[in-house]
Amino acid sequence: MWFEALLYLSLTLDSLSVAFQDRTPSADMTEAMVNTATVMAAGLILLLVYLVWLAAQRRKNWPRWVLIGSLVLSVYSLVEIIADTGVALDSCIEIVSCALTAAGLYYSYTGDAKGWFNG
């Protein structure tokens, strides 16, 4: 239960982050590029919601491993963003999101969850 709740909370934060990000076109990013990035981010969030559902409701083991890979890539990206721009509000939200994901994944490998997933 904690796995599902924490990961859905993390994905909700990610959705809010995408919803409120700056979409002003610039010399580096045209309007089409901004729109494409927004649609891709929304698609990725929906894919992650599906993976959480597969793991939590359908008892599949492989989505947990995909979610771990996603967390590793998110942390790597977050470290690079913080190194470039420093800690800002959006990076703080991402830090909380990564922490929630890590906690949820931890709970998916401990306690009663060990017997829940059948691969």
Protein backbone atom coordinates (compact mmCIF):
# COMPACT_ATOMS: atom_id res chain seq x y z
CA MET A 1 0.00 0.00 0.00
CA TRP A 2 2.82 2.44 0.87
CA PHE A 3 4.54 1.72 -2.44
CA GLU A 4 1.47 2.69 -4.45
CA ALA A 5 0.55 5.72 -2.34
CA LEU A 6 4.05 7.21 -2.29
CA LEU A 7 4.66 6.70 -6.00
CA TYR A 8 1.30 8.20 -6.95
CA LEU A 9 2.07 11.17 -4.68
CA SER A 10 5.46 11.55 -6.38
CA LEU A 11 3.84 11.44 -9.82
CA THR A 12 1.29 14.02 -8.70
CA LEU A 13 4.14 16.36 -7.76
CA ASP A 14 5.75 15.71 -11.13
CA SER A 15 2.47 16.51 -12.87
CA LEU A 16 2.13 19.77 -10.97
CA SER A 17 5.72 20.64 -11.80
CA VAL A 18 5.06 20.12 -15.52
CA ALA A 19 1.78 22.01 -15.34
CA PHE A 20 3.36 25.11 -13.81
CA GLN A 21 6.67 25.19 -15.68
CA ASP A 22 7.56 28.16 -17.86
CA ARG A 23 6.46 27.59 -21.45
CA THR A 24 7.58 30.92 -22.87
CA PRO A 25 9.23 30.43 -26.28
CA SER A 26 12.79 31.73 -26.55
CA ALA A 27 15.69 31.72 -28.99
CA ASP A 28 16.70 28.27 -27.70
CA MET A 29 13.20 26.77 -27.53
CA THR A 30 10.55 27.44 -30.16
CA GLU A 31 6.87 27.13 -29.35
CA ALA A 32 6.71 23.77 -31.13
CA MET A 33 9.64 22.45 -29.09
CA VAL A 34 8.02 23.62 -25.85
CA ASN A 35 4.74 21.94 -26.79
CA THR A 36 6.51 18.73 -27.78
CA ALA A 37 8.44 18.64 -24.49
CA THR A 38 5.22 19.17 -22.53
CA VAL A 39 3.40 16.36 -24.36
CA MET A 40 6.39 14.04 -23.90
CA ALA A 41 6.53 14.80 -20.17
CA ALA A 42 2.80 14.10 -19.83
CA GLY A 43 3.19 10.84 -21.76
CA LEU A 44 6.07 9.77 -19.54
CA ILE A 45 4.06 10.50 -16.40
CA LEU A 46 1.16 8.42 -17.76
CA LEU A 47 3.56 5.57 -18.55
CA LEU A 48 4.92 5.69 -15.00
CA VAL A 49 1.37 5.67 -13.59
CA TYR A 50 0.72 2.53 -15.66
CA LEU A 51 3.91 0.91 -14.34
CA VAL A 52 2.92 1.65 -10.74
CA TRP A 53 -0.51 0.18 -11.42
CA LEU A 54 1.02 -2.95 -12.96
CA ALA A 55 3.26 -3.46 -9.96
CA ALA A 56 0.73 -2.63 -7.26
CA GLN A 57 -2.47 -4.10 -8.70
CA ARG A 58 -1.30 -6.79 -11.12
CA ARG A 59 1.57 -8.02 -8.93
CA LYS A 60 4.21 -7.68 -11.66
CA ASN A 61 7.84 -7.54 -10.60
CA TRP A 62 9.46 -6.09 -13.72
CA PRO A 63 7.79 -2.63 -13.45
CA ARG A 64 9.53 -2.12 -10.11
CA TRP A 65 12.88 -2.54 -11.85
CA VAL A 66 11.87 -0.09 -14.58
CA LEU A 67 10.82 2.38 -11.87
CA ILE A 68 14.21 1.97 -10.17
CA GLY A 69 15.90 2.75 -13.49
CA SER A 70 13.68 5.78 -13.88
CA LEU A 71 14.59 6.95 -10.37
CA VAL A 72 18.31 6.58 -11.11
CA LEU A 73 17.95 8.65 -14.29
CA SER A 74 15.89 11.27 -12.42
CA VAL A 75 18.48 11.60 -9.67
CA TYR A 76 21.29 11.88 -12.23
CA SER A 77 19.37 14.58 -14.12
CA LEU A 78 18.55 16.39 -10.88
CA VAL A 79 22.21 16.44 -9.82
CA GLU A 80 23.17 17.98 -13.16
CA ILE A 81 20.43 20.61 -12.94
CA ILE A 82 21.44 21.56 -9.39
CA ALA A 83 25.09 21.74 -10.45
CA ASP A 84 24.21 24.08 -13.33
CA THR A 85 21.56 26.34 -11.81
CA GLY A 86 21.64 25.70 -8.07
CA VAL A 87 18.72 24.81 -5.86
CA ALA A 88 15.48 26.51 -6.90
CA LEU A 89 11.81 25.86 -6.17
CA ASP A 90 11.39 23.45 -9.08
CA SER A 91 14.48 21.46 -8.09
CA CYS A 92 13.21 21.30 -4.49
CA ILE A 93 9.97 19.81 -5.78
CA GLU A 94 11.98 17.27 -7.78
CA ILE A 95 14.06 16.40 -4.70
CA VAL A 96 10.87 15.68 -2.74
CA SER A 97 9.51 13.67 -5.68
CA CYS A 98 12.67 11.56 -5.87
CA ALA A 99 12.62 11.00 -2.11
CA LEU A 100 8.98 9.85 -2.25
CA THR A 101 9.79 7.50 -5.13
CA ALA A 102 12.79 6.07 -3.29
CA ALA A 103 10.72 5.52 -0.14
CA GLY A 104 7.93 3.86 -2.12
CA LEU A 105 10.35 1.58 -3.91
CA TYR A 106 11.99 0.72 -0.58
CA TYR A 107 8.60 -0.35 0.76
CA SER A 108 8.02 -2.47 -2.36
CA TYR A 109 11.02 -4.63 -1.45
CA THR A 110 10.46 -4.98 2.30
CA GLY A 111 7.92 -6.45 4.69
CA ASP A 112 4.78 -8.03 3.29
CA ALA A 113 5.60 -6.74 -0.20
CA LYS A 114 8.25 -9.43 -0.69
CA GLY A 115 5.58 -12.09 -1.21
CA TRP A 116 3.21 -9.85 -3.18
CA PHE A 117 5.09 -9.70 -6.46
CA ASN A 118 5.04 -12.86 -8.55
CA GLY A 119 7.27 -11.70 -11.43
